[in-house]
Amino acid sequence: MSETRSRRPWGEEAPPAPHIWRTLGYRGVEQGGGRSVIEWEATPDYCFHGPNGPIVHGGMVTTLLDTAMGGAVWSLLGEAEHFVTADLRAEFLSSARPGKLRAVGTVVRENRRVVFCAAELFQDGELIASARCTQIVRRARP
């Protein structure tokens, strides 16, 4: 991967529509040096109703974790590099409810072609989900 980060953080400018950031209203909090923090205000629109009230759909939780890990990888790549997710595993420790969710993604280990990441999702300071993924780095062909 690039020795010097040459890409602007995701949060500096909104991506063009349609994009998951615009569709869901993600907010970039921090990005750089193999770390990414994003927040999302989960509404009942993205929930199913359980006996104790609305629960954020697990796919939405996984998407947020994946995006945080992707942001961590993105912060280390050069302009001619991109990545794809090869493997993603999520663990749900508690139900996510409507309200602010905060995902923290980090690069755990990297080499030229493979990046291993981890992420944690918090709500009201409580860890509610975690994930790990493997990303494959690709370079643009000249």
N, C-alpha and C. Protein backbone atom coordinates (compact mmCIF):
# COMPACT_ATOMS: atom_id res chain seq x y z
N MET A 1 0.84 -1.17 0.00
CA MET A 1 0.00 0.00 0.00
C MET A 1 0.88 1.23 0.00
N SER A 2 0.28 2.33 -0.30
CA SER A 2 0.99 3.59 -0.42
C SER A 2 1.65 3.97 0.90
N GLU A 3 2.90 4.44 0.84
CA GLU A 3 3.60 4.89 2.04
C GLU A 3 2.97 6.16 2.60
N THR A 4 2.47 7.02 1.72
CA THR A 4 1.83 8.24 2.17
C THR A 4 0.38 8.24 1.73
N ARG A 5 -0.48 8.59 2.64
CA ARG A 5 -1.90 8.62 2.33
C ARG A 5 -2.18 9.80 1.42
N SER A 6 -2.81 9.55 0.30
CA SER A 6 -3.04 10.60 -0.66
C SER A 6 -4.52 10.89 -0.87
N ARG A 7 -5.38 10.21 -0.18
CA ARG A 7 -6.82 10.41 -0.36
C ARG A 7 -7.38 11.25 0.78
N ARG A 8 -8.36 12.08 0.42
CA ARG A 8 -9.07 12.85 1.44
C ARG A 8 -9.98 11.91 2.21
N PRO A 9 -10.20 12.19 3.50
CA PRO A 9 -11.17 11.39 4.25
C PRO A 9 -12.54 11.46 3.61
N TRP A 10 -13.35 10.42 3.79
CA TRP A 10 -14.68 10.35 3.22
C TRP A 10 -15.54 11.53 3.64
N GLY A 11 -15.38 11.97 4.87
CA GLY A 11 -16.23 13.01 5.40
C GLY A 11 -15.99 14.40 4.86
N GLU A 12 -14.92 14.63 4.11
CA GLU A 12 -14.62 15.98 3.63
C GLU A 12 -15.57 16.44 2.54
N GLU A 13 -16.12 15.54 1.79
CA GLU A 13 -17.13 15.89 0.79
C GLU A 13 -18.07 14.70 0.62
N ALA A 14 -19.33 15.02 0.50
CA ALA A 14 -20.32 13.94 0.35
C ALA A 14 -20.15 13.29 -1.01
N PRO A 15 -20.24 11.97 -1.07
CA PRO A 15 -20.17 11.29 -2.37
C PRO A 15 -21.40 11.62 -3.20
N PRO A 16 -21.29 11.50 -4.51
CA PRO A 16 -22.45 11.80 -5.36
C PRO A 16 -23.59 10.81 -5.10
N ALA A 17 -24.80 11.28 -5.30
CA ALA A 17 -25.97 10.43 -5.10
C ALA A 17 -26.17 9.55 -6.33
N PRO A 18 -26.75 8.38 -6.26
CA PRO A 18 -27.10 7.72 -5.01
C PRO A 18 -25.88 7.07 -4.37
N HIS A 19 -25.79 7.09 -3.10
CA HIS A 19 -24.67 6.50 -2.37
C HIS A 19 -25.18 6.15 -0.98
N ILE A 20 -24.64 5.09 -0.41
CA ILE A 20 -25.12 4.64 0.89
C ILE A 20 -24.97 5.72 1.95
N TRP A 21 -23.92 6.54 1.85
CA TRP A 21 -23.73 7.63 2.82
C TRP A 21 -24.91 8.59 2.77
N ARG A 22 -25.34 8.95 1.56
CA ARG A 22 -26.47 9.88 1.43
C ARG A 22 -27.79 9.20 1.76
N THR A 23 -27.96 7.98 1.31
CA THR A 23 -29.21 7.25 1.52
C THR A 23 -29.49 7.07 3.01
N LEU A 24 -28.48 6.66 3.77
CA LEU A 24 -28.68 6.37 5.18
C LEU A 24 -28.34 7.54 6.10
N GLY A 25 -27.63 8.54 5.58
CA GLY A 25 -27.29 9.69 6.40
C GLY A 25 -26.12 9.45 7.35
N TYR A 26 -25.13 8.68 6.92
CA TYR A 26 -23.94 8.47 7.74
C TYR A 26 -23.22 9.79 7.98
N ARG A 27 -22.53 9.89 9.10
CA ARG A 27 -21.73 11.05 9.40
C ARG A 27 -20.31 10.59 9.72
N GLY A 28 -19.33 11.09 8.96
CA GLY A 28 -17.94 10.78 9.22
C GLY A 28 -17.45 11.59 10.40
N VAL A 29 -16.88 10.91 11.41
CA VAL A 29 -16.38 11.56 12.61
C VAL A 29 -14.87 11.69 12.55
N GLU A 30 -14.22 10.61 12.10
CA GLU A 30 -12.75 10.57 12.07
C GLU A 30 -12.32 9.57 11.01
N GLN A 31 -11.23 9.89 10.31
CA GLN A 31 -10.68 8.93 9.36
C GLN A 31 -9.23 9.28 9.09
N GLY A 32 -8.37 8.28 9.21
CA GLY A 32 -6.97 8.48 8.89
C GLY A 32 -6.10 7.47 9.62
N GLY A 33 -4.96 7.17 9.02
CA GLY A 33 -3.99 6.30 9.67
C GLY A 33 -4.49 4.91 10.00
N GLY A 34 -5.40 4.38 9.18
CA GLY A 34 -5.91 3.03 9.42
C GLY A 34 -7.04 2.97 10.44
N ARG A 35 -7.73 4.08 10.64
CA ARG A 35 -8.85 4.15 11.59
C ARG A 35 -9.97 4.97 10.96
N SER A 36 -11.20 4.55 11.24
CA SER A 36 -12.36 5.27 10.74
C SER A 36 -13.48 5.20 11.78
N VAL A 37 -14.11 6.33 12.03
CA VAL A 37 -15.24 6.39 12.97
C VAL A 37 -16.40 7.04 12.23
N ILE A 38 -17.54 6.34 12.22
CA ILE A 38 -18.74 6.90 11.60
C ILE A 38 -19.92 6.76 12.56
N GLU A 39 -20.89 7.64 12.37
CA GLU A 39 -22.10 7.59 13.18
C GLU A 39 -23.31 7.56 12.27
N TRP A 40 -24.37 6.97 12.79
CA TRP A 40 -25.62 6.88 12.05
C TRP A 40 -26.77 6.98 13.04
N GLU A 41 -27.74 7.78 12.70
CA GLU A 41 -28.95 7.91 13.51
C GLU A 41 -29.96 6.89 13.00
N ALA A 42 -30.07 5.77 13.70
CA ALA A 42 -31.00 4.71 13.30
C ALA A 42 -32.42 5.13 13.66
N THR A 43 -33.31 5.01 12.70
CA THR A 43 -34.71 5.36 12.94
C THR A 43 -35.56 4.08 12.90
N PRO A 44 -36.77 4.14 13.38
CA PRO A 44 -37.65 2.97 13.33
C PRO A 44 -37.89 2.45 11.91
N ASP A 45 -37.63 3.29 10.90
CA ASP A 45 -37.78 2.85 9.51
C ASP A 45 -36.87 1.67 9.18
N TYR A 46 -35.76 1.53 9.91
CA TYR A 46 -34.79 0.47 9.65
C TYR A 46 -34.85 -0.62 10.71
N CYS A 47 -36.00 -0.75 11.33
CA CYS A 47 -36.16 -1.70 12.43
C CYS A 47 -37.29 -2.69 12.14
N PHE A 48 -37.26 -3.78 12.87
CA PHE A 48 -38.42 -4.64 12.95
C PHE A 48 -38.87 -4.57 14.40
N HIS A 49 -40.09 -4.93 14.66
CA HIS A 49 -40.62 -4.77 16.01
C HIS A 49 -40.56 -6.08 16.77
N GLY A 50 -39.86 -6.04 17.89
CA GLY A 50 -39.75 -7.18 18.79
C GLY A 50 -40.66 -6.95 19.98
N PRO A 51 -40.71 -7.91 20.88
CA PRO A 51 -41.61 -7.79 22.04
C PRO A 51 -41.28 -6.59 22.93
N ASN A 52 -40.02 -6.13 22.91
CA ASN A 52 -39.61 -5.00 23.75
C ASN A 52 -39.39 -3.73 22.94
N GLY A 53 -39.97 -3.67 21.74
CA GLY A 53 -39.84 -2.47 20.93
C GLY A 53 -39.02 -2.68 19.68
N PRO A 54 -38.74 -1.60 18.94
CA PRO A 54 -38.03 -1.72 17.67
C PRO A 54 -36.57 -2.13 17.82
N ILE A 55 -36.11 -3.00 16.91
CA ILE A 55 -34.74 -3.49 16.87
C ILE A 55 -34.19 -3.23 15.48
N VAL A 56 -33.03 -2.59 15.41
CA VAL A 56 -32.41 -2.28 14.13
C VAL A 56 -32.07 -3.59 13.42
N HIS A 57 -32.45 -3.69 12.16
CA HIS A 57 -32.18 -4.88 11.36
C HIS A 57 -30.69 -5.20 11.36
N GLY A 58 -30.34 -6.46 11.51
CA GLY A 58 -28.93 -6.89 11.56
C GLY A 58 -28.14 -6.54 10.32
N GLY A 59 -28.80 -6.50 9.17
CA GLY A 59 -28.11 -6.11 7.95
C GLY A 59 -27.66 -4.66 7.99
N MET A 60 -28.42 -3.81 8.65
CA MET A 60 -28.04 -2.41 8.80
C MET A 60 -26.84 -2.28 9.73
N VAL A 61 -26.83 -3.07 10.79
CA VAL A 61 -25.70 -3.08 11.73
C VAL A 61 -24.44 -3.55 11.01
N THR A 62 -24.55 -4.63 10.25
CA THR A 62 -23.41 -5.17 9.52
C THR A 62 -22.90 -4.17 8.49
N THR A 63 -23.80 -3.48 7.81
CA THR A 63 -23.40 -2.47 6.83
C THR A 63 -22.60 -1.36 7.48
N LEU A 64 -23.02 -0.92 8.63
CA LEU A 64 -22.31 0.14 9.35
C LEU A 64 -20.91 -0.32 9.76
N LEU A 65 -20.80 -1.53 10.27
CA LEU A 65 -19.49 -2.08 10.65
C LEU A 65 -18.58 -2.23 9.43
N ASP A 66 -19.14 -2.74 8.33
CA ASP A 66 -18.37 -2.92 7.09
C ASP A 66 -17.87 -1.58 6.57
N THR A 67 -18.71 -0.56 6.63
CA THR A 67 -18.34 0.75 6.14
C THR A 67 -17.23 1.36 6.99
N ALA A 68 -17.28 1.16 8.29
CA ALA A 68 -16.21 1.67 9.17
C ALA A 68 -14.88 0.99 8.86
N MET A 69 -14.91 -0.31 8.64
CA MET A 69 -13.66 -1.02 8.30
C MET A 69 -13.16 -0.58 6.93
N GLY A 70 -14.08 -0.39 5.99
CA GLY A 70 -13.70 0.10 4.66
C GLY A 70 -13.06 1.46 4.74
N GLY A 71 -13.57 2.33 5.59
CA GLY A 71 -12.98 3.65 5.77
C GLY A 71 -11.58 3.59 6.33
N ALA A 72 -11.34 2.63 7.23
CA ALA A 72 -10.00 2.46 7.78
C ALA A 72 -9.00 2.04 6.69
N VAL A 73 -9.40 1.11 5.84
CA VAL A 73 -8.55 0.67 4.73
C VAL A 73 -8.33 1.82 3.75
N TRP A 74 -9.41 2.49 3.37
CA TRP A 74 -9.36 3.59 2.40
C TRP A 74 -8.32 4.62 2.81
N SER A 75 -8.22 4.87 4.11
CA SER A 75 -7.30 5.91 4.60
C SER A 75 -5.83 5.57 4.36
N LEU A 76 -5.55 4.31 4.04
CA LEU A 76 -4.15 3.89 3.83
C LEU A 76 -3.79 3.70 2.36
N LEU A 77 -4.76 3.76 1.47
CA LEU A 77 -4.52 3.47 0.06
C LEU A 77 -4.08 4.70 -0.72
N GLY A 78 -3.33 4.44 -1.78
CA GLY A 78 -2.98 5.49 -2.73
C GLY A 78 -4.07 5.64 -3.77
N GLU A 79 -3.98 6.68 -4.58
CA GLU A 79 -5.01 6.97 -5.58
C GLU A 79 -5.22 5.84 -6.58
N ALA A 80 -4.18 5.07 -6.90
CA ALA A 80 -4.31 4.00 -7.90
C ALA A 80 -4.76 2.68 -7.28
N GLU A 81 -5.11 2.69 -6.00
CA GLU A 81 -5.50 1.46 -5.31
C GLU A 81 -6.97 1.51 -4.91
N HIS A 82 -7.59 0.36 -4.88
CA HIS A 82 -8.93 0.20 -4.34
C HIS A 82 -8.98 -1.15 -3.64
N PHE A 83 -10.11 -1.50 -3.06
CA PHE A 83 -10.19 -2.76 -2.32
C PHE A 83 -11.58 -3.37 -2.48
N VAL A 84 -11.63 -4.66 -2.20
CA VAL A 84 -12.91 -5.38 -2.15
C VAL A 84 -12.91 -6.24 -0.89
N THR A 85 -14.08 -6.41 -0.33
CA THR A 85 -14.22 -7.25 0.86
C THR A 85 -14.26 -8.71 0.45
N ALA A 86 -13.35 -9.50 1.01
CA ALA A 86 -13.29 -10.92 0.69
C ALA A 86 -14.04 -11.76 1.73
N ASP A 87 -14.07 -11.27 2.96
CA ASP A 87 -14.69 -12.04 4.03
C ASP A 87 -15.17 -11.05 5.09
N LEU A 88 -16.33 -11.31 5.67
CA LEU A 88 -16.89 -10.44 6.70
C LEU A 88 -17.62 -11.30 7.72
N ARG A 89 -17.29 -11.10 8.97
CA ARG A 89 -17.94 -11.82 10.07
C ARG A 89 -18.43 -10.81 11.10
N ALA A 90 -19.65 -10.95 11.55
CA ALA A 90 -20.21 -10.03 12.54
C ALA A 90 -20.74 -10.82 13.73
N GLU A 91 -20.61 -10.23 14.91
CA GLU A 91 -21.16 -10.80 16.14
C GLU A 91 -22.08 -9.77 16.77
N PHE A 92 -23.28 -10.18 17.08
CA PHE A 92 -24.26 -9.30 17.69
C PHE A 92 -24.32 -9.60 19.18
N LEU A 93 -23.90 -8.66 19.99
CA LEU A 93 -23.82 -8.86 21.44
C LEU A 93 -25.09 -8.40 22.15
N SER A 94 -25.76 -7.43 21.53
CA SER A 94 -26.98 -6.88 22.09
C SER A 94 -27.78 -6.27 20.92
N SER A 95 -29.04 -6.08 21.10
CA SER A 95 -29.87 -5.49 20.04
C SER A 95 -29.59 -4.00 19.91
N ALA A 96 -29.46 -3.54 18.67
CA ALA A 96 -29.37 -2.11 18.41
C ALA A 96 -30.80 -1.56 18.36
N ARG A 97 -30.98 -0.42 18.96
CA ARG A 97 -32.30 0.24 19.01
C ARG A 97 -32.24 1.55 18.25
N PRO A 98 -33.37 2.15 17.95
CA PRO A 98 -33.33 3.46 17.31
C PRO A 98 -32.49 4.43 18.16
N GLY A 99 -31.73 5.27 17.46
CA GLY A 99 -30.85 6.22 18.14
C GLY A 99 -29.49 6.23 17.47
N LYS A 100 -28.56 6.96 18.06
CA LYS A 100 -27.24 7.11 17.46
C LYS A 100 -26.39 5.86 17.67
N LEU A 101 -25.86 5.34 16.55
CA LEU A 101 -24.93 4.22 16.56
C LEU A 101 -23.57 4.74 16.11
N ARG A 102 -22.51 4.30 16.76
CA ARG A 102 -21.15 4.76 16.44
C ARG A 102 -20.28 3.54 16.15
N ALA A 103 -19.74 3.48 14.93
CA ALA A 103 -18.87 2.36 14.52
C ALA A 103 -17.44 2.85 14.43
N VAL A 104 -16.54 2.05 14.99
CA VAL A 104 -15.10 2.34 14.97
C VAL A 104 -14.41 1.20 14.25
N GLY A 105 -13.80 1.50 13.10
CA GLY A 105 -13.10 0.50 12.31
C GLY A 105 -11.60 0.75 12.35
N THR A 106 -10.82 -0.32 12.42
CA THR A 106 -9.36 -0.21 12.45
C THR A 106 -8.72 -1.28 11.57
N VAL A 107 -7.58 -0.92 11.01
CA VAL A 107 -6.75 -1.90 10.31
C VAL A 107 -5.94 -2.62 11.38
N VAL A 108 -6.03 -3.94 11.41
CA VAL A 108 -5.33 -4.75 12.40
C VAL A 108 -3.96 -5.17 11.88
N ARG A 109 -3.93 -5.56 10.61
CA ARG A 109 -2.68 -6.00 9.99
C ARG A 109 -2.82 -5.85 8.48
N GLU A 110 -1.73 -5.53 7.83
CA GLU A 110 -1.77 -5.35 6.38
C GLU A 110 -0.48 -5.84 5.74
N ASN A 111 -0.61 -6.21 4.48
CA ASN A 111 0.55 -6.44 3.63
C ASN A 111 0.22 -5.83 2.28
N ARG A 112 0.96 -6.12 1.27
CA ARG A 112 0.74 -5.47 -0.02
C ARG A 112 -0.61 -5.77 -0.64
N ARG A 113 -1.15 -6.94 -0.40
CA ARG A 113 -2.37 -7.36 -1.10
C ARG A 113 -3.57 -7.63 -0.19
N VAL A 114 -3.35 -7.83 1.10
CA VAL A 114 -4.42 -8.21 2.01
C VAL A 114 -4.40 -7.31 3.25
N VAL A 115 -5.60 -6.91 3.68
CA VAL A 115 -5.72 -6.09 4.88
C VAL A 115 -6.76 -6.76 5.79
N PHE A 116 -6.39 -6.92 7.05
CA PHE A 116 -7.29 -7.48 8.05
C PHE A 116 -7.78 -6.34 8.93
N CYS A 117 -9.09 -6.28 9.14
CA CYS A 117 -9.70 -5.18 9.88
C CYS A 117 -10.59 -5.69 11.00
N ALA A 118 -10.88 -4.80 11.94
CA ALA A 118 -11.83 -5.07 13.01
C ALA A 118 -12.69 -3.83 13.20
N ALA A 119 -13.89 -4.03 13.72
CA ALA A 119 -14.78 -2.89 14.01
C ALA A 119 -15.63 -3.22 15.23
N GLU A 120 -16.01 -2.17 15.92
CA GLU A 120 -16.92 -2.30 17.06
C GLU A 120 -18.02 -1.26 16.90
N LEU A 121 -19.22 -1.62 17.32
CA LEU A 121 -20.37 -0.74 17.23
C LEU A 121 -20.87 -0.45 18.64
N PHE A 122 -21.07 0.84 18.91
CA PHE A 122 -21.49 1.28 20.24
C PHE A 122 -22.81 2.04 20.16
N GLN A 123 -23.61 1.88 21.21
CA GLN A 123 -24.80 2.69 21.38
C GLN A 123 -24.87 3.10 22.83
N ASP A 124 -24.94 4.40 23.06
CA ASP A 124 -24.94 4.94 24.43
C ASP A 124 -23.75 4.41 25.24
N GLY A 125 -22.59 4.30 24.59
CA GLY A 125 -21.37 3.86 25.26
C GLY A 125 -21.24 2.36 25.46
N GLU A 126 -22.26 1.59 25.09
CA GLU A 126 -22.25 0.14 25.26
C GLU A 126 -21.86 -0.55 23.95
N LEU A 127 -20.94 -1.51 24.04
CA LEU A 127 -20.57 -2.32 22.88
C LEU A 127 -21.73 -3.25 22.55
N ILE A 128 -22.25 -3.13 21.31
CA ILE A 128 -23.41 -3.96 20.95
C ILE A 128 -23.12 -4.93 19.81
N ALA A 129 -22.05 -4.68 19.04
CA ALA A 129 -21.70 -5.60 17.95
C ALA A 129 -20.24 -5.41 17.60
N SER A 130 -19.66 -6.45 17.00
CA SER A 130 -18.28 -6.36 16.53
C SER A 130 -18.17 -7.13 15.23
N ALA A 131 -17.11 -6.85 14.49
CA ALA A 131 -16.91 -7.52 13.20
C ALA A 131 -15.44 -7.59 12.88
N ARG A 132 -15.12 -8.50 11.97
CA ARG A 132 -13.77 -8.61 11.41
C ARG A 132 -13.95 -8.84 9.92
N CYS A 133 -12.99 -8.39 9.16
CA CYS A 133 -13.06 -8.63 7.73
C CYS A 133 -11.68 -8.74 7.12
N THR A 134 -11.66 -9.30 5.93
CA THR A 134 -10.44 -9.39 5.12
C THR A 134 -10.73 -8.61 3.85
N GLN A 135 -9.84 -7.68 3.52
CA GLN A 135 -9.97 -6.87 2.32
C GLN A 135 -8.83 -7.21 1.37
N ILE A 136 -9.13 -7.29 0.10
CA ILE A 136 -8.12 -7.53 -0.94
C ILE A 136 -7.84 -6.20 -1.62
N VAL A 137 -6.54 -5.82 -1.67
CA VAL A 137 -6.13 -4.57 -2.30
C VAL A 137 -5.87 -4.83 -3.76
N ARG A 138 -6.40 -3.95 -4.59
CA ARG A 138 -6.17 -4.03 -6.04
C ARG A 138 -5.58 -2.72 -6.51
N ARG A 139 -4.80 -2.80 -7.56
CA ARG A 139 -4.18 -1.62 -8.13
C ARG A 139 -4.69 -1.43 -9.56
N ALA A 140 -4.90 -0.18 -9.93
CA ALA A 140 -5.35 0.14 -11.28
C ALA A 140 -4.26 -0.26 -12.27
N ARG A 141 -4.69 -0.82 -13.37
CA ARG A 141 -3.72 -1.19 -14.42
C ARG A 141 -3.39 0.03 -15.25
N PRO A 142 -2.11 0.22 -15.60
CA PRO A 142 -1.74 1.40 -16.39
C PRO A 142 -2.29 1.34 -17.80
